[in-house]
C-alpha atoms as a PDB file:
ATOM      1  CA  UNK A   1       8.812  -0.221 -68.814  1.00  0.00           C
ATOM      2  CA  UNK A   2       7.025   3.067 -68.166  1.00  0.00           C
ATOM      3  CA  UNK A   3      10.325   4.437 -66.574  1.00  0.00           C
ATOM      4  CA  UNK A   4      12.222   3.808 -69.785  1.00  0.00           C
ATOM      5  CA  UNK A   5       9.726   5.851 -71.833  1.00  0.00           C
ATOM      6  CA  UNK A   6       9.716   8.791 -69.395  1.00  0.00           C
ATOM      7  CA  UNK A   7      13.512   8.861 -68.855  1.00  0.00           C
ATOM      8  CA  UNK A   8      15.265  11.810 -70.671  1.00  0.00           C
ATOM      9  CA  UNK A   9      17.922  10.841 -73.201  1.00  0.00           C
ATOM     10  CA  UNK A  10      20.507  12.874 -75.117  1.00  0.00           C
ATOM     11  CA  UNK A  11      20.197  16.647 -74.892  1.00  0.00           C
ATOM     12  CA  UNK A  12      17.266  16.455 -72.431  1.00  0.00           C
ATOM     13  CA  UNK A  13      19.448  14.622 -69.900  1.00  0.00           C
ATOM     14  CA  UNK A  14      22.136  17.415 -69.989  1.00  0.00           C
ATOM     15  CA  UNK A  15      19.681  20.285 -69.544  1.00  0.00           C
ATOM     16  CA  UNK A  16      19.001  19.466 -65.791  1.00  0.00           C
ATOM     17  CA  UNK A  17      22.530  19.850 -64.462  1.00  0.00           C
ATOM     18  CA  UNK A  18      23.360  22.807 -66.729  1.00  0.00           C
ATOM     19  CA  UNK A  19      20.220  24.698 -65.608  1.00  0.00           C
ATOM     20  CA  UNK A  20      21.113  24.016 -61.948  1.00  0.00           C
ATOM     21  CA  UNK A  21      24.666  25.420 -62.557  1.00  0.00           C
ATOM     22  CA  UNK A  22      23.228  28.512 -64.170  1.00  0.00           C
ATOM     23  CA  UNK A  23      20.772  29.115 -61.357  1.00  0.00           C
ATOM     24  CA  UNK A  24      23.500  28.680 -58.751  1.00  0.00           C
ATOM     25  CA  UNK A  25      25.833  31.093 -60.558  1.00  0.00           C
ATOM     26  CA  UNK A  26      23.037  33.722 -60.815  1.00  0.00           C
ATOM     27  CA  UNK A  27      22.246  33.348 -57.092  1.00  0.00           C
ATOM     28  CA  UNK A  28      25.990  33.704 -56.190  1.00  0.00           C
ATOM     29  CA  UNK A  29      26.262  36.855 -58.415  1.00  0.00           C
ATOM     30  CA  UNK A  30      23.072  38.344 -56.779  1.00  0.00           C
ATOM     31  CA  UNK A  31      24.594  37.665 -53.369  1.00  0.00           C
ATOM     32  CA  UNK A  32      27.710  39.685 -54.151  1.00  0.00           C
ATOM     33  CA  UNK A  33      25.737  42.394 -55.906  1.00  0.00           C
ATOM     34  CA  UNK A  34      23.481  42.870 -52.930  1.00  0.00           C
ATOM     35  CA  UNK A  35      26.459  42.874 -50.527  1.00  0.00           C
ATOM     36  CA  UNK A  36      28.255  45.564 -52.624  1.00  0.00           C
ATOM     37  CA  UNK A  37      24.987  47.632 -52.866  1.00  0.00           C
ATOM     38  CA  UNK A  38      24.619  47.537 -49.091  1.00  0.00           C
ATOM     39  CA  UNK A  39      28.095  48.866 -48.528  1.00  0.00           C
ATOM     40  CA  UNK A  40      27.566  51.655 -51.020  1.00  0.00           C
ATOM     41  CA  UNK A  41      24.231  52.658 -49.356  1.00  0.00           C
ATOM     42  CA  UNK A  42      25.873  52.862 -46.029  1.00  0.00           C
ATOM     43  CA  UNK A  43      28.394  55.360 -47.330  1.00  0.00           C
ATOM     44  CA  UNK A  44      25.626  57.490 -48.954  1.00  0.00           C
ATOM     45  CA  UNK A  45      23.727  57.653 -45.709  1.00  0.00           C
ATOM     46  CA  UNK A  46      26.705  59.007 -43.882  1.00  0.00           C
ATOM     47  CA  UNK A  47      27.120  61.852 -46.321  1.00  0.00           C
ATOM     48  CA  UNK A  48      23.601  63.280 -45.643  1.00  0.00           C
ATOM     49  CA  UNK A  49      23.423  65.936 -42.827  1.00  0.00           C
ATOM     50  CA  UNK A  50      21.230  65.024 -39.890  1.00  0.00           C
ATOM     51  CA  UNK A  51      19.786  68.554 -39.478  1.00  0.00           C
ATOM     52  CA  UNK A  52      19.154  71.118 -42.247  1.00  0.00           C
ATOM     53  CA  UNK A  53      20.662  74.577 -41.582  1.00  0.00           C
ATOM     54  CA  UNK A  54      17.992  77.237 -40.940  1.00  0.00           C
ATOM     55  CA  UNK A  55      17.176  79.242 -43.998  1.00  0.00           C
ATOM     56  CA  UNK A  56      17.408  83.040 -43.773  1.00  0.00           C
ATOM     57  CA  UNK A  57      13.947  84.731 -44.217  1.00  0.00           C
ATOM     58  CA  UNK A  58      13.254  85.951 -47.598  1.00  0.00           C
ATOM     59  CA  UNK A  59      11.612  89.336 -47.857  1.00  0.00           C
ATOM     60  CA  UNK A  60       9.067  89.529 -50.598  1.00  0.00           C
ATOM     61  CA  UNK A  61       7.775  92.738 -52.089  1.00  0.00           C
ATOM     62  CA  UNK A  62       4.430  93.808 -50.863  1.00  0.00           C
ATOM     63  CA  UNK A  63       1.448  92.545 -52.890  1.00  0.00           C
ATOM     64  CA  UNK A  64      -0.545  95.175 -54.822  1.00  0.00           C
ATOM     65  CA  UNK A  65      -3.900  95.893 -53.453  1.00  0.00           C
ATOM     66  CA  UNK A  66      -6.746  93.937 -54.984  1.00  0.00           C
ATOM     67  CA  UNK A  67      -9.636  95.889 -56.386  1.00  0.00           C
ATOM     68  CA  UNK A  68     -13.171  94.352 -56.131  1.00  0.00           C
ATOM     69  CA  UNK A  69     -14.834  93.622 -59.360  1.00  0.00           C
ATOM     70  CA  UNK A  70     -17.246  96.213 -60.685  1.00  0.00           C
ATOM     71  CA  UNK A  71     -20.786  95.073 -61.144  1.00  0.00           C
ATOM     72  CA  UNK A  72     -22.227  96.091 -64.541  1.00  0.00           C
ATOM     73  CA  UNK A  73     -26.044  96.442 -64.984  1.00  0.00           C
ATOM     74  CA  UNK A  74     -27.553  93.777 -67.198  1.00  0.00           C
ATOM     75  CA  UNK A  75     -29.420  94.969 -70.336  1.00  0.00           C
ATOM     76  CA  UNK A  76     -33.181  94.955 -70.199  1.00  0.00           C
ATOM     77  CA  UNK A  77     -34.852  91.852 -71.474  1.00  0.00           C
ATOM     78  CA  UNK A  78     -36.854  91.999 -74.758  1.00  0.00           C
ATOM     79  CA  UNK A  79     -38.757  88.769 -74.388  1.00  0.00           C
ATOM     80  CA  UNK A  80     -39.726  89.048 -70.745  1.00  0.00           C
ATOM     81  CA  UNK A  81     -37.044  86.646 -69.354  1.00  0.00           C
ATOM     82  CA  UNK A  82     -35.183  87.712 -66.306  1.00  0.00           C
ATOM     83  CA  UNK A  83     -31.725  87.163 -67.623  1.00  0.00           C
ATOM     84  CA  UNK A  84     -31.960  89.008 -70.916  1.00  0.00           C
ATOM     85  CA  UNK A  85     -31.532  86.039 -73.207  1.00  0.00           C
ATOM     86  CA  UNK A  86     -33.268  86.299 -76.552  1.00  0.00           C
ATOM     87  CA  UNK A  87     -34.284  82.524 -76.788  1.00  0.00           C
ATOM     88  CA  UNK A  88     -35.876  82.282 -73.413  1.00  0.00           C
ATOM     89  CA  UNK A  89     -33.371  79.756 -71.941  1.00  0.00           C
ATOM     90  CA  UNK A  90     -32.313  80.790 -68.544  1.00  0.00           C
ATOM     91  CA  UNK A  91     -28.667  80.998 -67.725  1.00  0.00           C
ATOM     92  CA  UNK A  92     -27.521  80.150 -64.216  1.00  0.00           C
ATOM     93  CA  UNK A  93     -24.896  82.153 -62.423  1.00  0.00           C
ATOM     94  CA  UNK A  94     -23.410  85.574 -62.889  1.00  0.00           C
ATOM     95  CA  UNK A  95     -22.799  87.141 -66.244  1.00  0.00           C
ATOM     96  CA  UNK A  96     -19.440  85.688 -67.598  1.00  0.00           C
ATOM     97  CA  UNK A  97     -18.445  88.871 -69.359  1.00  0.00           C
ATOM     98  CA  UNK A  98     -15.838  91.026 -67.460  1.00  0.00           C
END
C-alpha cells in the first residue's frame, strides 16, 4: 500500500527518463567539445617558438647627475621647543618643506 502512494504518476513518471536523456546528451556534447579543444590546443602549441631570439641591446641616454638636497637652517624657536613649533607639540623627522 505504501508503494502505491510513493509511486510517481503522470508527469512525474515521465521526468526521470527525460532527465536521463538530457544528461546523456550533455555528456556527449561535452566529450566532443573537449576532444575538439584538445586538437586546437595542440595546434597552438606548435606555433610558439621554442627559443626566443636574442634582443639587441638598447642604448639609453646617460642619466643626469643627481644633486644632493640642500639643508636649510630651521628658524629659532620662540617658545623654547627644539623644533620651532608654536604650540609646543614636537614633530618627528626632518622638515617636510623643500
